[in-house]
PDB file of N, CA and C in Angstrom:
ATOM      1  N   UNK A   1      17.026  13.001 -24.389  1.00  0.00           N
ATOM      2  CA  UNK A   1      15.500  13.796 -23.681  1.00  0.00           C
ATOM      3  C   UNK A   1      15.710  12.616 -21.834  1.00  0.00           C
ATOM      4  N   UNK A   2      14.814  13.715 -20.841  1.00  0.00           N
ATOM      5  CA  UNK A   2      15.281  13.658 -19.820  1.00  0.00           C
ATOM      6  C   UNK A   2      13.833  12.834 -19.244  1.00  0.00           C
ATOM      7  N   UNK A   3      13.411  12.134 -18.927  1.00  0.00           N
ATOM      8  CA  UNK A   3      11.993  12.025 -18.665  1.00  0.00           C
ATOM      9  C   UNK A   3      12.550  12.188 -17.028  1.00  0.00           C
ATOM     10  N   UNK A   4      11.710  12.679 -15.747  1.00  0.00           N
ATOM     11  CA  UNK A   4      11.517  13.273 -15.159  1.00  0.00           C
ATOM     12  C   UNK A   4      10.590  11.772 -14.014  1.00  0.00           C
ATOM     13  N   UNK A   5      10.926  11.170 -12.989  1.00  0.00           N
ATOM     14  CA  UNK A   5       9.632  10.255 -12.866  1.00  0.00           C
ATOM     15  C   UNK A   5       9.778  10.790 -11.634  1.00  0.00           C
ATOM     16  N   UNK A   6       8.160  11.031 -11.125  1.00  0.00           N
ATOM     17  CA  UNK A   6       6.288  11.399  -9.688  1.00  0.00           C
ATOM     18  C   UNK A   6       6.255  10.204  -8.794  1.00  0.00           C
ATOM     19  N   UNK A   7       6.495   9.805  -7.540  1.00  0.00           N
ATOM     20  CA  UNK A   7       5.714   9.034  -7.118  1.00  0.00           C
ATOM     21  C   UNK A   7       5.028  10.077  -5.947  1.00  0.00           C
ATOM     22  N   UNK A   8       4.297   8.753  -5.123  1.00  0.00           N
ATOM     23  CA  UNK A   8       3.536  10.531  -4.216  1.00  0.00           C
ATOM     24  C   UNK A   8       4.008   8.917  -2.310  1.00  0.00           C
ATOM     25  N   UNK A   9       3.686  10.006  -1.834  1.00  0.00           N
ATOM     26  CA  UNK A   9       4.229   9.514   0.017  1.00  0.00           C
ATOM     27  C   UNK A   9       3.815  10.515   0.938  1.00  0.00           C
ATOM     28  N   UNK A  10       2.946   9.336   1.279  1.00  0.00           N
ATOM     29  CA  UNK A  10       2.005   9.422   2.998  1.00  0.00           C
ATOM     30  C   UNK A  10       2.857   8.907   3.767  1.00  0.00           C
ATOM     31  N   UNK A  11       2.820   9.423   4.863  1.00  0.00           N
ATOM     32  CA  UNK A  11       3.348   9.148   6.081  1.00  0.00           C
ATOM     33  C   UNK A  11       3.150   7.485   6.147  1.00  0.00           C
ATOM     34  N   UNK A  12       2.034   6.576   6.199  1.00  0.00           N
ATOM     35  CA  UNK A  12       1.794   5.529   5.647  1.00  0.00           C
ATOM     36  C   UNK A  12       2.832   5.001   4.471  1.00  0.00           C
ATOM     37  N   UNK A  13       2.944   4.854   3.390  1.00  0.00           N
ATOM     38  CA  UNK A  13       2.890   4.467   1.467  1.00  0.00           C
ATOM     39  C   UNK A  13       3.443   5.627   1.327  1.00  0.00           C
ATOM     40  N   UNK A  14       4.865   5.005   0.171  1.00  0.00           N
ATOM     41  CA  UNK A  14       5.615   5.630  -0.902  1.00  0.00           C
ATOM     42  C   UNK A  14       5.466   4.961  -1.966  1.00  0.00           C
ATOM     43  N   UNK A  15       4.567   5.479  -2.803  1.00  0.00           N
ATOM     44  CA  UNK A  15       4.393   4.518  -3.812  1.00  0.00           C
ATOM     45  C   UNK A  15       4.096   5.467  -5.392  1.00  0.00           C
ATOM     46  N   UNK A  16       4.418   4.586  -6.197  1.00  0.00           N
ATOM     47  CA  UNK A  16       3.979   5.592  -7.720  1.00  0.00           C
ATOM     48  C   UNK A  16       2.972   3.678  -9.185  1.00  0.00           C
ATOM     49  N   UNK A  17       3.279   4.659  -9.774  1.00  0.00           N
ATOM     50  CA  UNK A  17       3.497   3.921 -10.774  1.00  0.00           C
ATOM     51  C   UNK A  17       4.236   3.276 -11.791  1.00  0.00           C
ATOM     52  N   UNK A  18       5.240   1.708 -12.064  1.00  0.00           N
ATOM     53  CA  UNK A  18       6.298   1.662 -12.791  1.00  0.00           C
ATOM     54  C   UNK A  18       4.989   0.737 -12.977  1.00  0.00           C
ATOM     55  N   UNK A  19       6.309  -0.327 -13.867  1.00  0.00           N
ATOM     56  CA  UNK A  19       6.326  -1.502 -14.631  1.00  0.00           C
ATOM     57  C   UNK A  19       5.407  -2.699 -13.701  1.00  0.00           C
ATOM     58  N   UNK A  20       4.202  -2.860 -14.565  1.00  0.00           N
ATOM     59  CA  UNK A  20       3.860  -4.198 -14.090  1.00  0.00           C
ATOM     60  C   UNK A  20       3.861  -5.864 -13.970  1.00  0.00           C
ATOM     61  N   UNK A  21       4.080  -6.049 -12.083  1.00  0.00           N
ATOM     62  CA  UNK A  21       5.312  -7.148 -11.208  1.00  0.00           C
ATOM     63  C   UNK A  21       5.999  -6.298 -10.828  1.00  0.00           C
ATOM     64  N   UNK A  22       6.069  -5.025 -10.480  1.00  0.00           N
ATOM     65  CA  UNK A  22       7.265  -4.267  -9.360  1.00  0.00           C
ATOM     66  C   UNK A  22       8.000  -3.657  -9.734  1.00  0.00           C
ATOM     67  N   UNK A  23       8.656  -2.759  -9.058  1.00  0.00           N
ATOM     68  CA  UNK A  23       9.637  -2.019  -9.270  1.00  0.00           C
ATOM     69  C   UNK A  23       9.806  -0.561  -9.601  1.00  0.00           C
ATOM     70  N   UNK A  24      10.783   0.160  -9.838  1.00  0.00           N
ATOM     71  CA  UNK A  24      10.401   1.400  -9.820  1.00  0.00           C
ATOM     72  C   UNK A  24      11.145   2.040 -11.211  1.00  0.00           C
ATOM     73  N   UNK A  25      10.408   2.229 -12.451  1.00  0.00           N
ATOM     74  CA  UNK A  25      11.382   2.984 -13.384  1.00  0.00           C
ATOM     75  C   UNK A  25      12.661   3.779 -13.213  1.00  0.00           C
ATOM     76  N   UNK A  26      13.086   2.866 -13.770  1.00  0.00           N
ATOM     77  CA  UNK A  26      15.154   3.298 -13.973  1.00  0.00           C
ATOM     78  C   UNK A  26      16.214   2.876 -14.172  1.00  0.00           C
ATOM     79  N   UNK A  27      15.216   1.635 -12.980  1.00  0.00           N
ATOM     80  CA  UNK A  27      16.107   0.397 -12.218  1.00  0.00           C
ATOM     81  C   UNK A  27      16.221  -0.021 -13.152  1.00  0.00           C
ATOM     82  N   UNK A  28      16.120  -0.486 -14.052  1.00  0.00           N
ATOM     83  CA  UNK A  28      15.958  -1.202 -14.638  1.00  0.00           C
ATOM     84  C   UNK A  28      15.766  -0.640 -17.031  1.00  0.00           C
ATOM     85  N   UNK A  29      16.786  -0.736 -17.492  1.00  0.00           N
ATOM     86  CA  UNK A  29      17.093  -0.343 -18.369  1.00  0.00           C
ATOM     87  C   UNK A  29      15.539  -0.984 -19.899  1.00  0.00           C
ATOM     88  N   UNK A  30      14.650  -2.073 -18.954  1.00  0.00           N
ATOM     89  CA  UNK A  30      13.656  -2.005 -20.327  1.00  0.00           C
ATOM     90  C   UNK A  30      12.312  -2.056 -19.429  1.00  0.00           C
ATOM     91  N   UNK A  31      12.331  -0.860 -18.267  1.00  0.00           N
ATOM     92  CA  UNK A  31      11.482  -0.150 -17.319  1.00  0.00           C
ATOM     93  C   UNK A  31      10.759   0.893 -18.205  1.00  0.00           C
ATOM     94  N   UNK A  32       9.377   1.232 -18.466  1.00  0.00           N
ATOM     95  CA  UNK A  32       9.119   2.856 -18.897  1.00  0.00           C
ATOM     96  C   UNK A  32       8.993   2.871 -20.420  1.00  0.00           C
ATOM     97  N   UNK A  33       9.642   1.476 -20.750  1.00  0.00           N
ATOM     98  CA  UNK A  33       8.636   1.328 -22.746  1.00  0.00           C
ATOM     99  C   UNK A  33       7.697   2.115 -22.734  1.00  0.00           C
ATOM    100  N   UNK A  34       7.062   2.492 -23.495  1.00  0.00           N
ATOM    101  CA  UNK A  34       6.240   2.988 -24.602  1.00  0.00           C
ATOM    102  C   UNK A  34       5.466   1.337 -24.680  1.00  0.00           C
ATOM    103  N   UNK A  35       3.961   1.750 -23.817  1.00  0.00           N
ATOM    104  CA  UNK A  35       2.628  -0.048 -24.342  1.00  0.00           C
ATOM    105  C   UNK A  35       3.095  -1.064 -23.290  1.00  0.00           C
ATOM    106  N   UNK A  36       4.131  -0.934 -22.177  1.00  0.00           N
ATOM    107  CA  UNK A  36       4.083  -1.629 -21.156  1.00  0.00           C
ATOM    108  C   UNK A  36       3.369  -1.456 -19.957  1.00  0.00           C
ATOM    109  N   UNK A  37       2.466  -2.171 -20.379  1.00  0.00           N
ATOM    110  CA  UNK A  37       1.830  -2.812 -18.307  1.00  0.00           C
ATOM    111  C   UNK A  37       2.257  -2.170 -17.539  1.00  0.00           C
ATOM    112  N   UNK A  38       1.379  -1.676 -16.518  1.00  0.00           N
ATOM    113  CA  UNK A  38       2.220  -0.640 -15.656  1.00  0.00           C
ATOM    114  C   UNK A  38       0.822  -0.861 -14.474  1.00  0.00           C
ATOM    115  N   UNK A  39       1.313  -1.045 -13.080  1.00  0.00           N
ATOM    116  CA  UNK A  39       0.854  -1.288 -11.698  1.00  0.00           C
ATOM    117  C   UNK A  39       0.801   0.210 -10.838  1.00  0.00           C
ATOM    118  N   UNK A  40       0.818   0.105  -9.884  1.00  0.00           N
ATOM    119  CA  UNK A  40       0.916   1.249  -8.704  1.00  0.00           C
ATOM    120  C   UNK A  40       2.323   0.265  -7.780  1.00  0.00           C
ATOM    121  N   UNK A  41       3.549   0.544  -7.609  1.00  0.00           N
ATOM    122  CA  UNK A  41       4.604  -0.628  -7.206  1.00  0.00           C
ATOM    123  C   UNK A  41       5.195   0.215  -5.906  1.00  0.00           C
ATOM    124  N   UNK A  42       5.690  -0.395  -4.574  1.00  0.00           N
ATOM    125  CA  UNK A  42       5.882   0.110  -3.432  1.00  0.00           C
ATOM    126  C   UNK A  42       7.887   0.826  -3.753  1.00  0.00           C
ATOM    127  N   UNK A  43       7.537   2.009  -4.012  1.00  0.00           N
ATOM    128  CA  UNK A  43       8.949   3.359  -3.765  1.00  0.00           C
ATOM    129  C   UNK A  43       9.217   3.793  -1.990  1.00  0.00           C
ATOM    130  N   UNK A  44       8.829   2.369  -1.407  1.00  0.00           N
ATOM    131  CA  UNK A  44       9.092   2.919   0.117  1.00  0.00           C
ATOM    132  C   UNK A  44      10.669   2.687  -0.076  1.00  0.00           C
ATOM    133  N   UNK A  45      11.599   3.856   0.560  1.00  0.00           N
ATOM    134  CA  UNK A  45      13.084   4.738   0.997  1.00  0.00           C
ATOM    135  C   UNK A  45      13.779   5.739  -0.099  1.00  0.00           C
ATOM    136  N   UNK A  46      12.751   5.607  -1.583  1.00  0.00           N
ATOM    137  CA  UNK A  46      13.418   5.774  -2.765  1.00  0.00           C
ATOM    138  C   UNK A  46      13.765   7.714  -2.776  1.00  0.00           C
ATOM    139  N   UNK A  47      12.593   8.222  -1.771  1.00  0.00           N
ATOM    140  CA  UNK A  47      12.098   9.955  -1.750  1.00  0.00           C
ATOM    141  C   UNK A  47      13.600  10.266  -0.558  1.00  0.00           C
ATOM    142  N   UNK A  48      14.602   8.824  -0.113  1.00  0.00           N
ATOM    143  CA  UNK A  48      15.356   9.270   0.379  1.00  0.00           C
ATOM    144  C   UNK A  48      16.461   9.452   0.264  1.00  0.00           C
ATOM    145  N   UNK A  49      16.338   9.521  -1.795  1.00  0.00           N
ATOM    146  CA  UNK A  49      18.181   8.981  -2.762  1.00  0.00           C
ATOM    147  C   UNK A  49      18.406  10.688  -2.629  1.00  0.00           C
ATOM    148  N   UNK A  50      19.390  10.851  -2.242  1.00  0.00           N
ATOM    149  CA  UNK A  50      20.414  11.377  -2.842  1.00  0.00           C
ATOM    150  C   UNK A  50      20.113  12.656  -3.754  1.00  0.00           C
ATOM    151  N   UNK A  51      19.960  12.524  -5.149  1.00  0.00           N
ATOM    152  CA  UNK A  51      19.195  13.097  -5.751  1.00  0.00           C
ATOM    153  C   UNK A  51      17.341  13.745  -6.319  1.00  0.00           C
ATOM    154  N   UNK A  52      16.604  12.709  -4.949  1.00  0.00           N
ATOM    155  CA  UNK A  52      15.204  13.089  -4.988  1.00  0.00           C
ATOM    156  C   UNK A  52      14.828  13.943  -4.091  1.00  0.00           C
ATOM    157  N   UNK A  53      14.183  14.860  -4.808  1.00  0.00           N
ATOM    158  CA  UNK A  53      12.944  16.352  -4.488  1.00  0.00           C
ATOM    159  C   UNK A  53      11.582  16.296  -3.903  1.00  0.00           C
ATOM    160  N   UNK A  54      11.457  16.323  -3.229  1.00  0.00           N
ATOM    161  CA  UNK A  54      10.180  16.488  -1.349  1.00  0.00           C
ATOM    162  C   UNK A  54       9.648  17.622  -2.637  1.00  0.00           C
ATOM    163  N   UNK A  55       7.681  18.698  -2.978  1.00  0.00           N
ATOM    164  CA  UNK A  55       7.603  18.601  -2.478  1.00  0.00           C
ATOM    165  C   UNK A  55       6.129  18.736  -1.591  1.00  0.00           C
ATOM    166  N   UNK A  56       5.396  19.413  -0.450  1.00  0.00           N
ATOM    167  CA  UNK A  56       4.883  18.344   0.212  1.00  0.00           C
ATOM    168  C   UNK A  56       4.138  19.802  -0.300  1.00  0.00           C
ATOM    169  N   UNK A  57       2.201  18.792  -0.407  1.00  0.00           N
ATOM    170  CA  UNK A  57       1.278  19.591  -1.012  1.00  0.00           C
ATOM    171  C   UNK A  57      -0.218  19.468   0.527  1.00  0.00           C
ATOM    172  N   UNK A  58       0.269  20.588   1.410  1.00  0.00           N
ATOM    173  CA  UNK A  58      -0.891  20.737   2.687  1.00  0.00           C
ATOM    174  C   UNK A  58      -2.744  20.998   1.087  1.00  0.00           C
ATOM    175  N   UNK A  59      -3.577  20.298   2.240  1.00  0.00           N
ATOM    176  CA  UNK A  59      -4.339  20.368   1.752  1.00  0.00           C
ATOM    177  C   UNK A  59      -5.393  19.054   0.551  1.00  0.00           C
ATOM    178  N   UNK A  60      -3.958  18.059   0.728  1.00  0.00           N
ATOM    179  CA  UNK A  60      -4.132  17.157  -0.266  1.00  0.00           C
ATOM    180  C   UNK A  60      -5.044  16.421   0.952  1.00  0.00           C
ATOM    181  N   UNK A  61      -6.153  15.664   0.759  1.00  0.00           N
ATOM    182  CA  UNK A  61      -6.611  14.203   1.716  1.00  0.00           C
ATOM    183  C   UNK A  61      -4.528  12.682   1.240  1.00  0.00           C
ATOM    184  N   UNK A  62      -4.303  13.231   2.739  1.00  0.00           N
ATOM    185  CA  UNK A  62      -4.354  11.926   2.545  1.00  0.00           C
ATOM    186  C   UNK A  62      -4.477  10.208   2.070  1.00  0.00           C
ATOM    187  N   UNK A  63      -6.132  10.067   3.110  1.00  0.00           N
ATOM    188  CA  UNK A  63      -6.227   9.305   3.146  1.00  0.00           C
ATOM    189  C   UNK A  63      -7.207   8.785   1.545  1.00  0.00           C
ATOM    190  N   UNK A  64      -6.773   9.081   1.199  1.00  0.00           N
ATOM    191  CA  UNK A  64      -7.905   9.791  -0.563  1.00  0.00           C
ATOM    192  C   UNK A  64      -6.568   9.133  -1.403  1.00  0.00           C
ATOM    193  N   UNK A  65      -5.654  10.501  -0.908  1.00  0.00           N
ATOM    194  CA  UNK A  65      -3.627   9.265  -1.498  1.00  0.00           C
ATOM    195  C   UNK A  65      -3.893   8.143  -2.078  1.00  0.00           C
ATOM    196  N   UNK A  66      -3.804   7.439  -0.367  1.00  0.00           N
ATOM    197  CA  UNK A  66      -3.940   5.939  -0.438  1.00  0.00           C
ATOM    198  C   UNK A  66      -4.881   5.287  -0.799  1.00  0.00           C
ATOM    199  N   UNK A  67      -6.138   5.852  -1.410  1.00  0.00           N
ATOM    200  CA  UNK A  67      -6.397   4.902  -1.550  1.00  0.00           C
ATOM    201  C   UNK A  67      -6.858   4.296  -2.538  1.00  0.00           C
ATOM    202  N   UNK A  68      -6.187   5.714  -3.644  1.00  0.00           N
ATOM    203  CA  UNK A  68      -5.129   5.240  -5.116  1.00  0.00           C
ATOM    204  C   UNK A  68      -3.641   4.448  -4.627  1.00  0.00           C
ATOM    205  N   UNK A  69      -3.522   4.722  -4.110  1.00  0.00           N
ATOM    206  CA  UNK A  69      -2.349   3.741  -4.705  1.00  0.00           C
ATOM    207  C   UNK A  69      -2.204   2.814  -3.603  1.00  0.00           C
ATOM    208  N   UNK A  70      -3.689   2.041  -4.256  1.00  0.00           N
ATOM    209  CA  UNK A  70      -2.988   0.056  -3.957  1.00  0.00           C
ATOM    210  C   UNK A  70      -1.803  -0.395  -4.135  1.00  0.00           C
ATOM    211  N   UNK A  71      -1.299  -1.045  -3.833  1.00  0.00           N
ATOM    212  CA  UNK A  71      -0.148  -2.279  -3.903  1.00  0.00           C
ATOM    213  C   UNK A  71      -1.522  -2.932  -5.370  1.00  0.00           C
ATOM    214  N   UNK A  72      -0.361  -2.660  -6.102  1.00  0.00           N
ATOM    215  CA  UNK A  72      -0.763  -4.007  -7.835  1.00  0.00           C
ATOM    216  C   UNK A  72      -2.166  -3.705  -8.653  1.00  0.00           C
ATOM    217  N   UNK A  73      -2.436  -2.251  -7.618  1.00  0.00           N
ATOM    218  CA  UNK A  73      -3.983  -0.772  -8.671  1.00  0.00           C
ATOM    219  C   UNK A  73      -2.907  -1.535 -10.250  1.00  0.00           C
ATOM    220  N   UNK A  74      -4.107  -2.006 -11.494  1.00  0.00           N
ATOM    221  CA  UNK A  74      -3.603  -1.529 -12.341  1.00  0.00           C
ATOM    222  C   UNK A  74      -3.370  -0.236 -13.318  1.00  0.00           C
ATOM    223  N   UNK A  75      -2.807  -0.340 -13.920  1.00  0.00           N
ATOM    224  CA  UNK A  75      -2.817   1.190 -13.872  1.00  0.00           C
ATOM    225  C   UNK A  75      -2.598   1.669 -15.604  1.00  0.00           C
ATOM    226  N   UNK A  76      -3.598   1.273 -16.805  1.00  0.00           N
ATOM    227  CA  UNK A  76      -3.253   0.876 -17.700  1.00  0.00           C
ATOM    228  C   UNK A  76      -1.657   0.285 -18.299  1.00  0.00           C
ATOM    229  N   UNK A  77      -1.990   0.261 -20.011  1.00  0.00           N
ATOM    230  CA  UNK A  77       0.152   1.066 -20.678  1.00  0.00           C
ATOM    231  C   UNK A  77       0.638   2.123 -20.663  1.00  0.00           C
ATOM    232  N   UNK A  78       1.479   1.865 -20.337  1.00  0.00           N
ATOM    233  CA  UNK A  78       2.160   3.474 -20.524  1.00  0.00           C
ATOM    234  C   UNK A  78       2.888   3.901 -21.991  1.00  0.00           C
ATOM    235  N   UNK A  79       1.916   5.220 -22.011  1.00  0.00           N
ATOM    236  CA  UNK A  79       2.408   6.297 -23.311  1.00  0.00           C
ATOM    237  C   UNK A  79       2.073   7.443 -22.858  1.00  0.00           C
ATOM    238  N   UNK A  80       2.489   9.416 -23.410  1.00  0.00           N
ATOM    239  CA  UNK A  80       2.618   9.635 -23.633  1.00  0.00           C
ATOM    240  C   UNK A  80       1.639  10.640 -22.136  1.00  0.00           C
ATOM    241  N   UNK A  81       0.770   9.759 -22.371  1.00  0.00           N
ATOM    242  CA  UNK A  81      -0.682  10.388 -21.788  1.00  0.00           C
ATOM    243  C   UNK A  81      -0.897   9.288 -20.396  1.00  0.00           C
ATOM    244  N   UNK A  82      -1.168   8.856 -20.310  1.00  0.00           N
ATOM    245  CA  UNK A  82      -0.509   8.047 -19.055  1.00  0.00           C
ATOM    246  C   UNK A  82       0.831   7.608 -18.992  1.00  0.00           C
ATOM    247  N   UNK A  83       0.968   8.566 -17.994  1.00  0.00           N
ATOM    248  CA  UNK A  83       2.480   7.335 -16.821  1.00  0.00           C
ATOM    249  C   UNK A  83       2.619   8.085 -15.522  1.00  0.00           C
ATOM    250  N   UNK A  84       4.046   8.618 -15.396  1.00  0.00           N
ATOM    251  CA  UNK A  84       4.061   8.388 -13.130  1.00  0.00           C
ATOM    252  C   UNK A  84       3.626  10.004 -13.113  1.00  0.00           C
ATOM    253  N   UNK A  85       3.796  10.859 -14.665  1.00  0.00           N
ATOM    254  CA  UNK A  85       3.225  11.923 -13.215  1.00  0.00           C
ATOM    255  C   UNK A  85       2.061  12.529 -14.406  1.00  0.00           C
ATOM    256  N   UNK A  86       1.170  12.127 -15.134  1.00  0.00           N
ATOM    257  CA  UNK A  86       0.165  12.632 -15.478  1.00  0.00           C
ATOM    258  C   UNK A  86      -0.797  11.927 -14.234  1.00  0.00           C
ATOM    259  N   UNK A  87      -0.764  10.296 -13.659  1.00  0.00           N
ATOM    260  CA  UNK A  87      -0.941   9.319 -12.831  1.00  0.00           C
ATOM    261  C   UNK A  87      -0.524  10.461 -11.066  1.00  0.00           C
ATOM    262  N   UNK A  88       0.554  10.363 -11.234  1.00  0.00           N
ATOM    263  CA  UNK A  88       0.484  11.720 -10.190  1.00  0.00           C
ATOM    264  C   UNK A  88      -0.758  12.929 -10.231  1.00  0.00           C
ATOM    265  N   UNK A  89      -0.415  13.665 -10.708  1.00  0.00           N
ATOM    266  CA  UNK A  89      -1.140  14.773 -11.771  1.00  0.00           C
ATOM    267  C   UNK A  89      -2.436  14.897 -10.569  1.00  0.00           C
ATOM    268  N   UNK A  90      -3.494  14.146 -11.849  1.00  0.00           N
ATOM    269  CA  UNK A  90      -3.991  13.155 -11.470  1.00  0.00           C
ATOM    270  C   UNK A  90      -4.742  12.682 -10.707  1.00  0.00           C
ATOM    271  N   UNK A  91      -3.650  12.227  -9.206  1.00  0.00           N
ATOM    272  CA  UNK A  91      -4.380  11.487  -8.260  1.00  0.00           C
ATOM    273  C   UNK A  91      -4.425  13.014  -7.299  1.00  0.00           C
ATOM    274  N   UNK A  92      -3.587  13.940  -7.537  1.00  0.00           N
ATOM    275  CA  UNK A  92      -3.375  15.479  -6.926  1.00  0.00           C
ATOM    276  C   UNK A  92      -4.948  15.831  -6.767  1.00  0.00           C
ATOM    277  N   UNK A  93      -4.882  15.984  -8.238  1.00  0.00           N
ATOM    278  CA  UNK A  93      -6.786  17.310  -8.864  1.00  0.00           C
ATOM    279  C   UNK A  93      -7.359  16.036  -7.893  1.00  0.00           C
ATOM    280  N   UNK A  94      -7.751  14.589  -8.434  1.00  0.00           N
ATOM    281  CA  UNK A  94      -8.701  14.125  -7.011  1.00  0.00           C
ATOM    282  C   UNK A  94      -9.226  14.417  -5.963  1.00  0.00           C
ATOM    283  N   UNK A  95      -7.643  14.657  -5.063  1.00  0.00           N
ATOM    284  CA  UNK A  95      -7.754  14.481  -4.069  1.00  0.00           C
ATOM    285  C   UNK A  95      -7.724  15.466  -2.533  1.00  0.00           C
ATOM    286  N   UNK A  96      -6.846  16.413  -3.998  1.00  0.00           N
ATOM    287  CA  UNK A  96      -6.613  17.994  -3.309  1.00  0.00           C
ATOM    288  C   UNK A  96      -7.845  19.191  -2.489  1.00  0.00           C
ATOM    289  N   UNK A  97      -9.537  18.270  -2.784  1.00  0.00           N
ATOM    290  CA  UNK A  97     -10.683  18.905  -2.555  1.00  0.00           C
ATOM    291  C   UNK A  97     -10.887  19.094  -1.036  1.00  0.00           C
ATOM    292  N   UNK A  98     -10.472  17.298  -0.335  1.00  0.00           N
ATOM    293  CA  UNK A  98     -10.589  17.655   1.255  1.00  0.00           C
ATOM    294  C   UNK A  98      -9.756  18.179   2.185  1.00  0.00           C
ATOM    295  N   UNK A  99      -9.629  19.047   2.624  1.00  0.00           N
ATOM    296  CA  UNK A  99      -8.229  19.708   3.555  1.00  0.00           C
ATOM    297  C   UNK A  99      -7.782  18.713   4.062  1.00  0.00           C
ATOM    298  N   UNK A 100      -6.873  18.752   5.030  1.00  0.00           N
ATOM    299  CA  UNK A 100      -6.315  18.096   5.488  1.00  0.00           C
ATOM    300  C   UNK A 100      -5.307  17.713   6.027  1.00  0.00           C
ATOM    301  N   UNK A 101      -4.901  17.201   7.191  1.00  0.00           N
ATOM    302  CA  UNK A 101      -4.144  16.888   8.380  1.00  0.00           C
ATOM    303  C   UNK A 101      -2.237  16.391   8.203  1.00  0.00           C
ATOM    304  N   UNK A 102      -2.810  16.455   7.784  1.00  0.00           N
ATOM    305  CA  UNK A 102      -1.419  15.247   7.044  1.00  0.00           C
ATOM    306  C   UNK A 102      -0.442  15.313   6.093  1.00  0.00           C
ATOM    307  N   UNK A 103       0.870  15.853   6.175  1.00  0.00           N
ATOM    308  CA  UNK A 103       1.090  16.046   5.054  1.00  0.00           C
ATOM    309  C   UNK A 103       1.360  14.693   4.122  1.00  0.00           C
ATOM    310  N   UNK A 104       1.605  15.281   2.830  1.00  0.00           N
ATOM    311  CA  UNK A 104       1.292  15.070   1.764  1.00  0.00           C
ATOM    312  C   UNK A 104       2.665  15.336   0.280  1.00  0.00           C
ATOM    313  N   UNK A 105       3.390  14.390   0.059  1.00  0.00           N
ATOM    314  CA  UNK A 105       4.290  14.468  -1.206  1.00  0.00           C
ATOM    315  C   UNK A 105       3.946  13.758  -2.067  1.00  0.00           C
ATOM    316  N   UNK A 106       4.929  15.052  -3.321  1.00  0.00           N
ATOM    317  CA  UNK A 106       5.323  14.528  -4.285  1.00  0.00           C
ATOM    318  C   UNK A 106       6.946  14.397  -4.031  1.00  0.00           C
ATOM    319  N   UNK A 107       7.130  13.558  -4.699  1.00  0.00           N
ATOM    320  CA  UNK A 107       8.904  13.105  -4.257  1.00  0.00           C
ATOM    321  C   UNK A 107       9.951  12.607  -5.588  1.00  0.00           C
ATOM    322  N   UNK A 108      10.273  12.729  -5.928  1.00  0.00           N
ATOM    323  CA  UNK A 108      11.145  11.948  -6.769  1.00  0.00           C
ATOM    324  C   UNK A 108      12.050  12.453  -7.069  1.00  0.00           C
ATOM    325  N   UNK A 109      13.952  12.277  -8.390  1.00  0.00           N
ATOM    326  CA  UNK A 109      14.774  12.202  -8.092  1.00  0.00           C
ATOM    327  C   UNK A 109      15.144  12.852  -9.568  1.00  0.00           C
ATOM    328  N   UNK A 110      16.494  13.309 -10.238  1.00  0.00           N
ATOM    329  CA  UNK A 110      16.584  14.350 -10.813  1.00  0.00           C
ATOM    330  C   UNK A 110      17.040  13.185 -12.345  1.00  0.00           C
ATOM    331  N   UNK A 111      16.206  13.742 -13.366  1.00  0.00           N
ATOM    332  CA  UNK A 111      16.167  12.443 -13.784  1.00  0.00           C
ATOM    333  C   UNK A 111      18.046  12.275 -14.770  1.00  0.00           C
ATOM    334  N   UNK A 112      17.182  11.001 -15.421  1.00  0.00           N
ATOM    335  CA  UNK A 112      18.906  11.088 -17.140  1.00  0.00           C
ATOM    336  C   UNK A 112      18.290   9.982 -18.039  1.00  0.00           C
ATOM    337  N   UNK A 113      18.982   9.839 -18.760  1.00  0.00           N
ATOM    338  CA  UNK A 113      18.241   9.974 -20.036  1.00  0.00           C
ATOM    339  C   UNK A 113      17.170   8.498 -19.823  1.00  0.00           C
ATOM    340  N   UNK A 114      16.166   8.605 -20.472  1.00  0.00           N
ATOM    341  CA  UNK A 114      14.856   7.653 -19.936  1.00  0.00           C
ATOM    342  C   UNK A 114      15.712   6.379 -21.195  1.00  0.00           C
ATOM    343  N   UNK A 115      15.288   5.017 -19.450  1.00  0.00           N
ATOM    344  CA  UNK A 115      15.528   3.980 -20.511  1.00  0.00           C
ATOM    345  C   UNK A 115      17.301   3.659 -19.505  1.00  0.00           C
ATOM    346  N   UNK A 116      17.564   4.241 -18.715  1.00  0.00           N
ATOM    347  CA  UNK A 116      19.017   4.094 -18.022  1.00  0.00           C
ATOM    348  C   UNK A 116      19.157   5.054 -16.618  1.00  0.00           C
ATOM    349  N   UNK A 117      20.068   4.351 -16.443  1.00  0.00           N
ATOM    350  CA  UNK A 117      19.998   4.578 -14.699  1.00  0.00           C
ATOM    351  C   UNK A 117      18.544   5.006 -14.144  1.00  0.00           C
ATOM    352  N   UNK A 118      18.586   5.672 -13.635  1.00  0.00           N
ATOM    353  CA  UNK A 118      17.906   6.231 -12.411  1.00  0.00           C
ATOM    354  C   UNK A 118      16.755   7.883 -12.578  1.00  0.00           C
ATOM    355  N   UNK A 119      15.736   6.595 -13.616  1.00  0.00           N
ATOM    356  CA  UNK A 119      14.796   7.521 -13.674  1.00  0.00           C
ATOM    357  C   UNK A 119      13.823   8.810 -12.807  1.00  0.00           C
ATOM    358  N   UNK A 120      13.826  10.029 -12.544  1.00  0.00           N
ATOM    359  CA  UNK A 120      13.394  10.789 -11.130  1.00  0.00           C
ATOM    360  C   UNK A 120      12.502  11.782 -11.387  1.00  0.00           C
ATOM    361  N   UNK A 121      11.908  12.586 -10.592  1.00  0.00           N
ATOM    362  CA  UNK A 121      11.626  13.958 -10.610  1.00  0.00           C
ATOM    363  C   UNK A 121      11.643  15.227  -9.965  1.00  0.00           C
ATOM    364  N   UNK A 122      11.624  16.083 -10.710  1.00  0.00           N
ATOM    365  CA  UNK A 122      11.777  17.164  -9.905  1.00  0.00           C
ATOM    366  C   UNK A 122      10.260  17.290  -8.728  1.00  0.00           C
ATOM    367  N   UNK A 123      10.879  18.754  -7.780  1.00  0.00           N
ATOM    368  CA  UNK A 123       9.288  19.410  -7.546  1.00  0.00           C
ATOM    369  C   UNK A 123       8.367  19.215  -8.084  1.00  0.00           C
ATOM    370  N   UNK A 124       6.801  18.008  -7.652  1.00  0.00           N
ATOM    371  CA  UNK A 124       6.169  18.560  -8.387  1.00  0.00           C
ATOM    372  C   UNK A 124       4.879  19.988  -8.213  1.00  0.00           C
TER     373      UNK A 124
END
């Protein structure tokens, strides 16, 4: 089963949901398991990976995105209804009604088997 990891990038931050205590899902096989506590974690440089894809999101307020991506912010336990994809989607929905002059992007890597290697996301 392929699981794609989604996160967000603005000109100032590159962050997304991950295991509580830090890290990016897929970098360790124990990360991303159902029921694990999650937080907003640093994803700096992940968008530069060879399998990463980005989709610019014009019209999304970068300041609003950054407020939602405070490092260490608790995001609940990982479930099928509360995960990196749902979090990124909810943040975009919350922040898309304010015009923006700064580009915001959804980033990801091509997916791999859940719990192995580096999980990722296609363009959102």
